[in-house]
Amino acid sequence: MDSPLVRRMHAFPHHYTVTRLHHSLSVAYVAFLAVRKLGGEARATARGGLLHDLFLYDRREAGRPIGAHTVAHPQLALRNAERHFDLTPLEREIILAHMFPLGLCPPRHLESLAVCVADKLCAAYECVGALASPALADRVAKITFRAKGVFL
């Protein structure tokens, strides 16, 4: 969270009123709680979850990288994360596998599966919540921000 690169994700919309940083924090926190409860590597899960969408463009705008966003963005996020952070092999897998089954890399560990599932749950909640009430996604994001110290 101290990284200016990670904080830049706040500038990019992700799911309706939720920024990419809010989404990534939610995914990291949900996956962290599940993995900690199941006895896995919670720290790697939180780090991978936080960095899983570290691509710095708005996917809805012209000028974004060419190709299928679903397939390309995990690789872009990994490339960005590797440039700025020391990642473990597990954290790399978490980032690459988070889009499965739409992406190319299947989750092979509990931690990458947890982030993959948390990503879908949080995205669904953010989209449905935003459609039901624009303020709901913002409230979820604020709760997540308050809880961020739990996993960092």
N, C-alpha and C. Protein backbone atom coordinates (compact mmCIF):
# COMPACT_ATOMS: atom_id res chain seq x y z
N MET A 1 0.82 -1.21 0.00
CA MET A 1 0.00 0.00 0.00
C MET A 1 0.85 1.26 0.00
N ASP A 2 2.11 1.15 0.39
CA ASP A 2 2.98 2.33 0.39
C ASP A 2 3.49 2.66 -1.01
N SER A 3 3.34 1.77 -1.94
CA SER A 3 3.85 1.97 -3.29
C SER A 3 2.99 2.96 -4.07
N PRO A 4 3.62 3.98 -4.65
CA PRO A 4 2.86 4.90 -5.51
C PRO A 4 2.21 4.18 -6.69
N LEU A 5 2.84 3.12 -7.18
CA LEU A 5 2.28 2.37 -8.30
C LEU A 5 0.95 1.72 -7.91
N VAL A 6 0.93 1.10 -6.74
CA VAL A 6 -0.31 0.48 -6.26
C VAL A 6 -1.37 1.55 -6.03
N ARG A 7 -0.99 2.65 -5.45
CA ARG A 7 -1.96 3.72 -5.19
C ARG A 7 -2.52 4.32 -6.47
N ARG A 8 -1.76 4.24 -7.57
CA ARG A 8 -2.24 4.76 -8.86
C ARG A 8 -3.46 3.99 -9.35
N MET A 9 -3.64 2.77 -8.89
CA MET A 9 -4.80 1.99 -9.31
C MET A 9 -6.10 2.67 -8.91
N HIS A 10 -6.03 3.56 -7.92
CA HIS A 10 -7.23 4.29 -7.48
C HIS A 10 -7.75 5.22 -8.58
N ALA A 11 -6.89 5.58 -9.52
CA ALA A 11 -7.29 6.50 -10.60
C ALA A 11 -8.07 5.81 -11.71
N PHE A 12 -8.14 4.49 -11.67
CA PHE A 12 -8.78 3.76 -12.77
C PHE A 12 -10.10 3.13 -12.33
N PRO A 13 -11.18 3.43 -13.06
CA PRO A 13 -12.45 2.78 -12.74
C PRO A 13 -12.36 1.30 -13.08
N HIS A 14 -13.09 0.50 -12.32
CA HIS A 14 -13.04 -0.94 -12.57
C HIS A 14 -14.45 -1.51 -12.76
N HIS A 15 -15.23 -1.52 -11.70
CA HIS A 15 -16.61 -1.99 -11.80
C HIS A 15 -17.53 -0.87 -11.35
N TYR A 16 -18.10 -0.19 -12.31
CA TYR A 16 -19.01 0.92 -12.06
C TYR A 16 -18.35 1.97 -11.17
N THR A 17 -18.75 2.11 -9.93
CA THR A 17 -18.21 3.16 -9.07
C THR A 17 -17.00 2.69 -8.26
N VAL A 18 -16.59 1.47 -8.44
CA VAL A 18 -15.47 0.91 -7.68
C VAL A 18 -14.19 1.07 -8.47
N THR A 19 -13.15 1.60 -7.83
CA THR A 19 -11.87 1.75 -8.52
C THR A 19 -11.12 0.42 -8.52
N ARG A 20 -10.09 0.34 -9.34
CA ARG A 20 -9.29 -0.87 -9.39
C ARG A 20 -8.62 -1.13 -8.05
N LEU A 21 -8.21 -0.08 -7.34
CA LEU A 21 -7.59 -0.28 -6.03
C LEU A 21 -8.61 -0.83 -5.03
N HIS A 22 -9.79 -0.26 -4.99
CA HIS A 22 -10.83 -0.77 -4.09
C HIS A 22 -11.12 -2.23 -4.38
N HIS A 23 -11.26 -2.57 -5.65
CA HIS A 23 -11.54 -3.96 -6.03
C HIS A 23 -10.39 -4.87 -5.59
N SER A 24 -9.17 -4.46 -5.85
CA SER A 24 -8.02 -5.29 -5.49
C SER A 24 -7.90 -5.49 -3.99
N LEU A 25 -8.20 -4.45 -3.23
CA LEU A 25 -8.19 -4.58 -1.77
C LEU A 25 -9.28 -5.54 -1.30
N SER A 26 -10.45 -5.46 -1.90
CA SER A 26 -11.53 -6.37 -1.52
C SER A 26 -11.16 -7.82 -1.83
N VAL A 27 -10.62 -8.05 -3.01
CA VAL A 27 -10.21 -9.41 -3.40
C VAL A 27 -9.14 -9.92 -2.45
N ALA A 28 -8.14 -9.10 -2.18
CA ALA A 28 -7.04 -9.51 -1.31
C ALA A 28 -7.55 -9.85 0.09
N TYR A 29 -8.45 -9.05 0.59
CA TYR A 29 -8.96 -9.26 1.95
C TYR A 29 -9.82 -10.52 2.04
N VAL A 30 -10.74 -10.71 1.10
CA VAL A 30 -11.61 -11.88 1.12
C VAL A 30 -10.78 -13.16 0.97
N ALA A 31 -9.85 -13.17 0.03
CA ALA A 31 -9.00 -14.35 -0.18
C ALA A 31 -8.10 -14.59 1.02
N PHE A 32 -7.55 -13.52 1.59
CA PHE A 32 -6.71 -13.63 2.79
C PHE A 32 -7.47 -14.31 3.92
N LEU A 33 -8.70 -13.87 4.19
CA LEU A 33 -9.48 -14.47 5.28
C LEU A 33 -9.72 -15.96 5.04
N ALA A 34 -10.06 -16.32 3.81
CA ALA A 34 -10.32 -17.73 3.50
C ALA A 34 -9.06 -18.57 3.66
N VAL A 35 -7.96 -18.10 3.12
CA VAL A 35 -6.71 -18.87 3.17
C VAL A 35 -6.17 -18.96 4.59
N ARG A 36 -6.29 -17.89 5.34
CA ARG A 36 -5.84 -17.94 6.74
C ARG A 36 -6.65 -18.97 7.51
N LYS A 37 -7.93 -19.01 7.28
CA LYS A 37 -8.81 -19.97 7.96
C LYS A 37 -8.46 -21.42 7.56
N LEU A 38 -8.03 -21.61 6.32
CA LEU A 38 -7.72 -22.94 5.82
C LEU A 38 -6.25 -23.34 6.02
N GLY A 39 -5.45 -22.45 6.60
CA GLY A 39 -4.07 -22.77 6.93
C GLY A 39 -3.07 -22.59 5.81
N GLY A 40 -3.42 -21.82 4.80
CA GLY A 40 -2.49 -21.57 3.69
C GLY A 40 -1.60 -20.36 3.93
N GLU A 41 -0.92 -19.94 2.90
CA GLU A 41 0.00 -18.81 2.98
C GLU A 41 -0.79 -17.50 2.79
N ALA A 42 -1.24 -16.96 3.90
CA ALA A 42 -2.13 -15.79 3.88
C ALA A 42 -1.42 -14.54 3.35
N ARG A 43 -0.16 -14.36 3.71
CA ARG A 43 0.56 -13.16 3.26
C ARG A 43 0.73 -13.16 1.74
N ALA A 44 1.13 -14.29 1.18
CA ALA A 44 1.26 -14.39 -0.28
C ALA A 44 -0.09 -14.17 -0.95
N THR A 45 -1.15 -14.66 -0.35
CA THR A 45 -2.49 -14.48 -0.89
C THR A 45 -2.86 -13.00 -0.91
N ALA A 46 -2.60 -12.31 0.18
CA ALA A 46 -2.93 -10.88 0.25
C ALA A 46 -2.12 -10.08 -0.77
N ARG A 47 -0.83 -10.38 -0.86
CA ARG A 47 0.02 -9.66 -1.83
C ARG A 47 -0.42 -9.95 -3.26
N GLY A 48 -0.62 -11.21 -3.59
CA GLY A 48 -1.07 -11.56 -4.94
C GLY A 48 -2.43 -10.97 -5.26
N GLY A 49 -3.32 -10.99 -4.27
CA GLY A 49 -4.64 -10.41 -4.46
C GLY A 49 -4.58 -8.90 -4.69
N LEU A 50 -3.72 -8.24 -3.97
CA LEU A 50 -3.58 -6.79 -4.13
C LEU A 50 -3.01 -6.45 -5.51
N LEU A 51 -2.13 -7.27 -6.02
CA LEU A 51 -1.44 -6.97 -7.28
C LEU A 51 -2.09 -7.62 -8.50
N HIS A 52 -3.16 -8.38 -8.32
CA HIS A 52 -3.71 -9.16 -9.42
C HIS A 52 -4.22 -8.33 -10.59
N ASP A 53 -4.61 -7.11 -10.38
CA ASP A 53 -5.09 -6.23 -11.46
C ASP A 53 -4.21 -4.99 -11.61
N LEU A 54 -2.91 -5.16 -11.50
CA LEU A 54 -1.97 -4.03 -11.58
C LEU A 54 -1.66 -3.71 -13.04
N PHE A 55 -2.70 -3.41 -13.79
CA PHE A 55 -2.53 -2.89 -15.15
C PHE A 55 -3.04 -1.45 -15.11
N LEU A 56 -2.28 -0.56 -15.70
CA LEU A 56 -2.55 0.87 -15.50
C LEU A 56 -3.11 1.51 -16.76
N TYR A 57 -4.27 1.06 -17.15
CA TYR A 57 -5.02 1.68 -18.22
C TYR A 57 -6.50 1.41 -17.96
N ASP A 58 -7.33 2.23 -18.57
CA ASP A 58 -8.77 2.01 -18.47
C ASP A 58 -9.16 1.10 -19.63
N ARG A 59 -9.63 -0.08 -19.32
CA ARG A 59 -9.92 -1.07 -20.35
C ARG A 59 -11.07 -0.65 -21.26
N ARG A 60 -11.80 0.39 -20.89
CA ARG A 60 -12.94 0.85 -21.70
C ARG A 60 -12.54 1.92 -22.71
N GLU A 61 -11.32 2.43 -22.62
CA GLU A 61 -10.90 3.55 -23.47
C GLU A 61 -10.08 3.08 -24.65
N ALA A 62 -10.12 3.88 -25.71
CA ALA A 62 -9.28 3.61 -26.88
C ALA A 62 -7.81 3.78 -26.47
N GLY A 63 -6.94 3.11 -27.17
CA GLY A 63 -5.52 3.24 -26.88
C GLY A 63 -5.00 2.21 -25.89
N ARG A 64 -5.88 1.35 -25.41
CA ARG A 64 -5.43 0.31 -24.48
C ARG A 64 -4.68 -0.75 -25.27
N PRO A 65 -3.92 -1.61 -24.60
CA PRO A 65 -3.18 -2.65 -25.31
C PRO A 65 -4.11 -3.52 -26.16
N ILE A 66 -3.59 -3.96 -27.29
CA ILE A 66 -4.36 -4.75 -28.24
C ILE A 66 -4.47 -6.19 -27.73
N GLY A 67 -5.60 -6.80 -27.97
CA GLY A 67 -5.81 -8.20 -27.59
C GLY A 67 -6.96 -8.32 -26.62
N ALA A 68 -7.29 -9.55 -26.33
CA ALA A 68 -8.38 -9.82 -25.40
C ALA A 68 -7.96 -9.42 -23.99
N HIS A 69 -8.65 -8.48 -23.42
CA HIS A 69 -8.31 -7.99 -22.08
C HIS A 69 -8.29 -9.12 -21.06
N THR A 70 -9.24 -10.02 -21.17
CA THR A 70 -9.36 -11.11 -20.20
C THR A 70 -8.09 -11.96 -20.16
N VAL A 71 -7.51 -12.20 -21.32
CA VAL A 71 -6.30 -13.01 -21.40
C VAL A 71 -5.05 -12.17 -21.13
N ALA A 72 -5.03 -10.95 -21.63
CA ALA A 72 -3.81 -10.13 -21.57
C ALA A 72 -3.54 -9.50 -20.21
N HIS A 73 -4.57 -9.08 -19.48
CA HIS A 73 -4.29 -8.27 -18.30
C HIS A 73 -3.60 -9.02 -17.16
N PRO A 74 -3.81 -10.32 -16.95
CA PRO A 74 -3.01 -10.98 -15.90
C PRO A 74 -1.51 -10.95 -16.21
N GLN A 75 -1.16 -11.10 -17.48
CA GLN A 75 0.25 -11.04 -17.87
C GLN A 75 0.80 -9.63 -17.70
N LEU A 76 0.01 -8.62 -18.05
CA LEU A 76 0.45 -7.23 -17.85
C LEU A 76 0.60 -6.91 -16.37
N ALA A 77 -0.36 -7.37 -15.57
CA ALA A 77 -0.28 -7.14 -14.13
C ALA A 77 0.96 -7.80 -13.55
N LEU A 78 1.25 -9.02 -13.98
CA LEU A 78 2.44 -9.71 -13.49
C LEU A 78 3.71 -8.96 -13.90
N ARG A 79 3.77 -8.53 -15.14
CA ARG A 79 4.95 -7.79 -15.61
C ARG A 79 5.16 -6.52 -14.77
N ASN A 80 4.08 -5.79 -14.52
CA ASN A 80 4.19 -4.57 -13.70
C ASN A 80 4.63 -4.90 -12.27
N ALA A 81 4.03 -5.94 -11.70
CA ALA A 81 4.37 -6.32 -10.33
C ALA A 81 5.83 -6.77 -10.23
N GLU A 82 6.30 -7.53 -11.20
CA GLU A 82 7.69 -8.01 -11.17
C GLU A 82 8.69 -6.87 -11.29
N ARG A 83 8.32 -5.82 -11.99
CA ARG A 83 9.22 -4.67 -12.14
C ARG A 83 9.41 -3.91 -10.83
N HIS A 84 8.43 -3.98 -9.95
CA HIS A 84 8.45 -3.12 -8.77
C HIS A 84 8.51 -3.87 -7.44
N PHE A 85 8.27 -5.16 -7.46
CA PHE A 85 8.22 -5.92 -6.21
C PHE A 85 8.95 -7.25 -6.37
N ASP A 86 9.51 -7.74 -5.28
CA ASP A 86 10.05 -9.09 -5.25
C ASP A 86 8.89 -10.04 -5.01
N LEU A 87 8.60 -10.88 -5.99
CA LEU A 87 7.47 -11.79 -5.88
C LEU A 87 7.96 -13.22 -5.70
N THR A 88 7.21 -13.98 -4.94
CA THR A 88 7.48 -15.41 -4.81
C THR A 88 6.83 -16.12 -6.00
N PRO A 89 7.23 -17.36 -6.28
CA PRO A 89 6.54 -18.10 -7.34
C PRO A 89 5.03 -18.23 -7.10
N LEU A 90 4.64 -18.38 -5.84
CA LEU A 90 3.21 -18.47 -5.53
C LEU A 90 2.49 -17.17 -5.85
N GLU A 91 3.08 -16.03 -5.52
CA GLU A 91 2.46 -14.74 -5.84
C GLU A 91 2.34 -14.55 -7.35
N ARG A 92 3.33 -15.01 -8.09
CA ARG A 92 3.25 -14.95 -9.56
C ARG A 92 2.07 -15.78 -10.07
N GLU A 93 1.94 -16.99 -9.55
CA GLU A 93 0.83 -17.84 -9.97
C GLU A 93 -0.51 -17.21 -9.63
N ILE A 94 -0.61 -16.62 -8.44
CA ILE A 94 -1.86 -15.97 -8.03
C ILE A 94 -2.28 -14.92 -9.04
N ILE A 95 -1.35 -14.09 -9.45
CA ILE A 95 -1.64 -13.02 -10.41
C ILE A 95 -2.05 -13.61 -11.76
N LEU A 96 -1.29 -14.57 -12.24
CA LEU A 96 -1.58 -15.15 -13.57
C LEU A 96 -2.87 -15.95 -13.61
N ALA A 97 -3.22 -16.62 -12.50
CA ALA A 97 -4.35 -17.54 -12.50
C ALA A 97 -5.69 -16.90 -12.14
N HIS A 98 -5.69 -15.62 -11.80
CA HIS A 98 -6.93 -15.05 -11.24
C HIS A 98 -8.09 -15.00 -12.24
N MET A 99 -7.84 -15.09 -13.53
CA MET A 99 -8.92 -15.02 -14.51
C MET A 99 -9.43 -16.39 -14.97
N PHE A 100 -8.90 -17.46 -14.41
CA PHE A 100 -9.35 -18.79 -14.80
C PHE A 100 -10.85 -18.94 -14.53
N PRO A 101 -11.65 -19.51 -15.38
CA PRO A 101 -11.32 -20.28 -16.57
C PRO A 101 -11.21 -19.45 -17.84
N LEU A 102 -11.40 -18.14 -17.76
CA LEU A 102 -11.30 -17.30 -18.96
C LEU A 102 -9.85 -17.05 -19.35
N GLY A 103 -8.96 -17.05 -18.37
CA GLY A 103 -7.54 -16.87 -18.65
C GLY A 103 -6.89 -18.19 -18.99
N LEU A 104 -5.60 -18.14 -19.24
CA LEU A 104 -4.89 -19.32 -19.72
C LEU A 104 -4.25 -20.16 -18.62
N CYS A 105 -4.08 -19.60 -17.44
CA CYS A 105 -3.34 -20.28 -16.37
C CYS A 105 -4.31 -20.77 -15.30
N PRO A 106 -4.40 -22.07 -15.10
CA PRO A 106 -5.29 -22.58 -14.03
C PRO A 106 -4.63 -22.44 -12.65
N PRO A 107 -5.43 -22.20 -11.61
CA PRO A 107 -4.86 -22.15 -10.26
C PRO A 107 -4.40 -23.54 -9.83
N ARG A 108 -3.19 -23.61 -9.29
CA ARG A 108 -2.64 -24.91 -8.87
C ARG A 108 -2.51 -25.02 -7.36
N HIS A 109 -2.74 -23.93 -6.66
CA HIS A 109 -2.59 -23.92 -5.20
C HIS A 109 -3.84 -23.30 -4.57
N LEU A 110 -4.05 -23.61 -3.32
CA LEU A 110 -5.16 -23.06 -2.55
C LEU A 110 -5.20 -21.54 -2.67
N GLU A 111 -4.05 -20.90 -2.54
CA GLU A 111 -3.97 -19.45 -2.53
C GLU A 111 -4.41 -18.84 -3.86
N SER A 112 -3.98 -19.42 -4.97
CA SER A 112 -4.38 -18.88 -6.27
C SER A 112 -5.86 -19.18 -6.55
N LEU A 113 -6.35 -20.30 -6.09
CA LEU A 113 -7.77 -20.61 -6.22
C LEU A 113 -8.60 -19.62 -5.40
N ALA A 114 -8.14 -19.30 -4.20
CA ALA A 114 -8.87 -18.36 -3.33
C ALA A 114 -8.97 -16.99 -3.98
N VAL A 115 -7.88 -16.50 -4.57
CA VAL A 115 -7.92 -15.19 -5.24
C VAL A 115 -8.81 -15.26 -6.47
N CYS A 116 -8.74 -16.35 -7.21
CA CYS A 116 -9.57 -16.52 -8.40
C CYS A 116 -11.06 -16.46 -8.02
N VAL A 117 -11.45 -17.17 -6.99
CA VAL A 117 -12.85 -17.18 -6.56
C VAL A 117 -13.23 -15.82 -5.95
N ALA A 118 -12.36 -15.25 -5.11
CA ALA A 118 -12.65 -13.95 -4.50
C ALA A 118 -12.81 -12.87 -5.56
N ASP A 119 -12.02 -12.95 -6.62
CA ASP A 119 -12.12 -11.97 -7.71
C ASP A 119 -13.51 -12.01 -8.33
N LYS A 120 -14.02 -13.22 -8.58
CA LYS A 120 -15.35 -13.33 -9.18
C LYS A 120 -16.44 -12.88 -8.21
N LEU A 121 -16.32 -13.26 -6.94
CA LEU A 121 -17.32 -12.86 -5.94
C LEU A 121 -17.35 -11.35 -5.76
N CYS A 122 -16.18 -10.75 -5.61
CA CYS A 122 -16.12 -9.30 -5.41
C CYS A 122 -16.62 -8.56 -6.65
N ALA A 123 -16.24 -9.03 -7.84
CA ALA A 123 -16.70 -8.38 -9.07
C ALA A 123 -18.22 -8.45 -9.18
N ALA A 124 -18.78 -9.61 -8.89
CA ALA A 124 -20.24 -9.75 -8.95
C ALA A 124 -20.91 -8.83 -7.94
N TYR A 125 -20.38 -8.79 -6.73
CA TYR A 125 -20.96 -7.94 -5.70
C TYR A 125 -20.86 -6.47 -6.07
N GLU A 126 -19.70 -6.08 -6.61
CA GLU A 126 -19.51 -4.68 -7.00
C GLU A 126 -20.46 -4.29 -8.14
N CYS A 127 -20.62 -5.17 -9.11
CA CYS A 127 -21.50 -4.85 -10.24
C CYS A 127 -22.97 -4.85 -9.84
N VAL A 128 -23.41 -5.87 -9.13
CA VAL A 128 -24.79 -5.93 -8.70
C VAL A 128 -25.08 -4.82 -7.71
N GLY A 129 -24.18 -4.60 -6.78
CA GLY A 129 -24.35 -3.53 -5.80
C GLY A 129 -24.43 -2.17 -6.45
N ALA A 130 -23.60 -1.95 -7.44
CA ALA A 130 -23.61 -0.66 -8.12
C ALA A 130 -24.90 -0.47 -8.91
N LEU A 131 -25.41 -1.55 -9.48
CA LEU A 131 -26.67 -1.44 -10.21
C LEU A 131 -27.84 -1.21 -9.27
N ALA A 132 -27.79 -1.83 -8.10
CA ALA A 132 -28.88 -1.71 -7.14
C ALA A 132 -28.84 -0.35 -6.45
N SER A 133 -27.64 0.07 -6.10
CA SER A 133 -27.48 1.34 -5.41
C SER A 133 -26.05 1.82 -5.62
N PRO A 134 -25.85 2.93 -6.32
CA PRO A 134 -24.50 3.42 -6.56
C PRO A 134 -23.69 3.64 -5.28
N ALA A 135 -24.35 3.94 -4.19
CA ALA A 135 -23.65 4.19 -2.93
C ALA A 135 -23.17 2.89 -2.28
N LEU A 136 -23.79 1.76 -2.62
CA LEU A 136 -23.44 0.50 -1.97
C LEU A 136 -22.00 0.09 -2.25
N ALA A 137 -21.56 0.16 -3.48
CA ALA A 137 -20.18 -0.21 -3.81
C ALA A 137 -19.19 0.70 -3.10
N ASP A 138 -19.52 1.98 -2.98
CA ASP A 138 -18.63 2.90 -2.26
C ASP A 138 -18.55 2.53 -0.78
N ARG A 139 -19.68 2.14 -0.18
CA ARG A 139 -19.65 1.74 1.23
C ARG A 139 -18.80 0.49 1.42
N VAL A 140 -18.93 -0.48 0.50
CA VAL A 140 -18.12 -1.70 0.59
C VAL A 140 -16.64 -1.34 0.48
N ALA A 141 -16.30 -0.46 -0.44
CA ALA A 141 -14.91 -0.05 -0.61
C ALA A 141 -14.38 0.64 0.64
N LYS A 142 -15.18 1.50 1.26
CA LYS A 142 -14.73 2.19 2.48
C LYS A 142 -14.51 1.21 3.63
N ILE A 143 -15.38 0.22 3.75
CA ILE A 143 -15.21 -0.80 4.79
C ILE A 143 -13.91 -1.56 4.54
N THR A 144 -13.65 -1.89 3.29
CA THR A 144 -12.42 -2.61 2.94
C THR A 144 -11.20 -1.77 3.27
N PHE A 145 -11.24 -0.48 2.96
CA PHE A 145 -10.11 0.39 3.27
C PHE A 145 -9.84 0.43 4.78
N ARG A 146 -10.90 0.49 5.58
CA ARG A 146 -10.71 0.49 7.03
C ARG A 146 -10.05 -0.80 7.50
N ALA A 147 -10.35 -1.88 6.83
CA ALA A 147 -9.84 -3.18 7.25
C ALA A 147 -8.48 -3.51 6.63
N LYS A 148 -7.95 -2.61 5.78
CA LYS A 148 -6.73 -2.95 5.04
C LYS A 148 -5.55 -3.30 5.93
N GLY A 149 -5.45 -2.73 7.10
CA GLY A 149 -4.33 -3.02 7.97
C GLY A 149 -4.30 -4.46 8.47
N VAL A 150 -5.39 -5.17 8.31
CA VAL A 150 -5.48 -6.55 8.79
C VAL A 150 -4.52 -7.45 8.04
N PHE A 151 -4.33 -7.21 6.73
CA PHE A 151 -3.53 -8.16 5.97
C PHE A 151 -2.20 -7.62 5.47
N LEU A 152 -1.88 -6.39 5.77
CA LEU A 152 -0.60 -5.84 5.27
C LEU A 152 0.50 -5.95 6.30
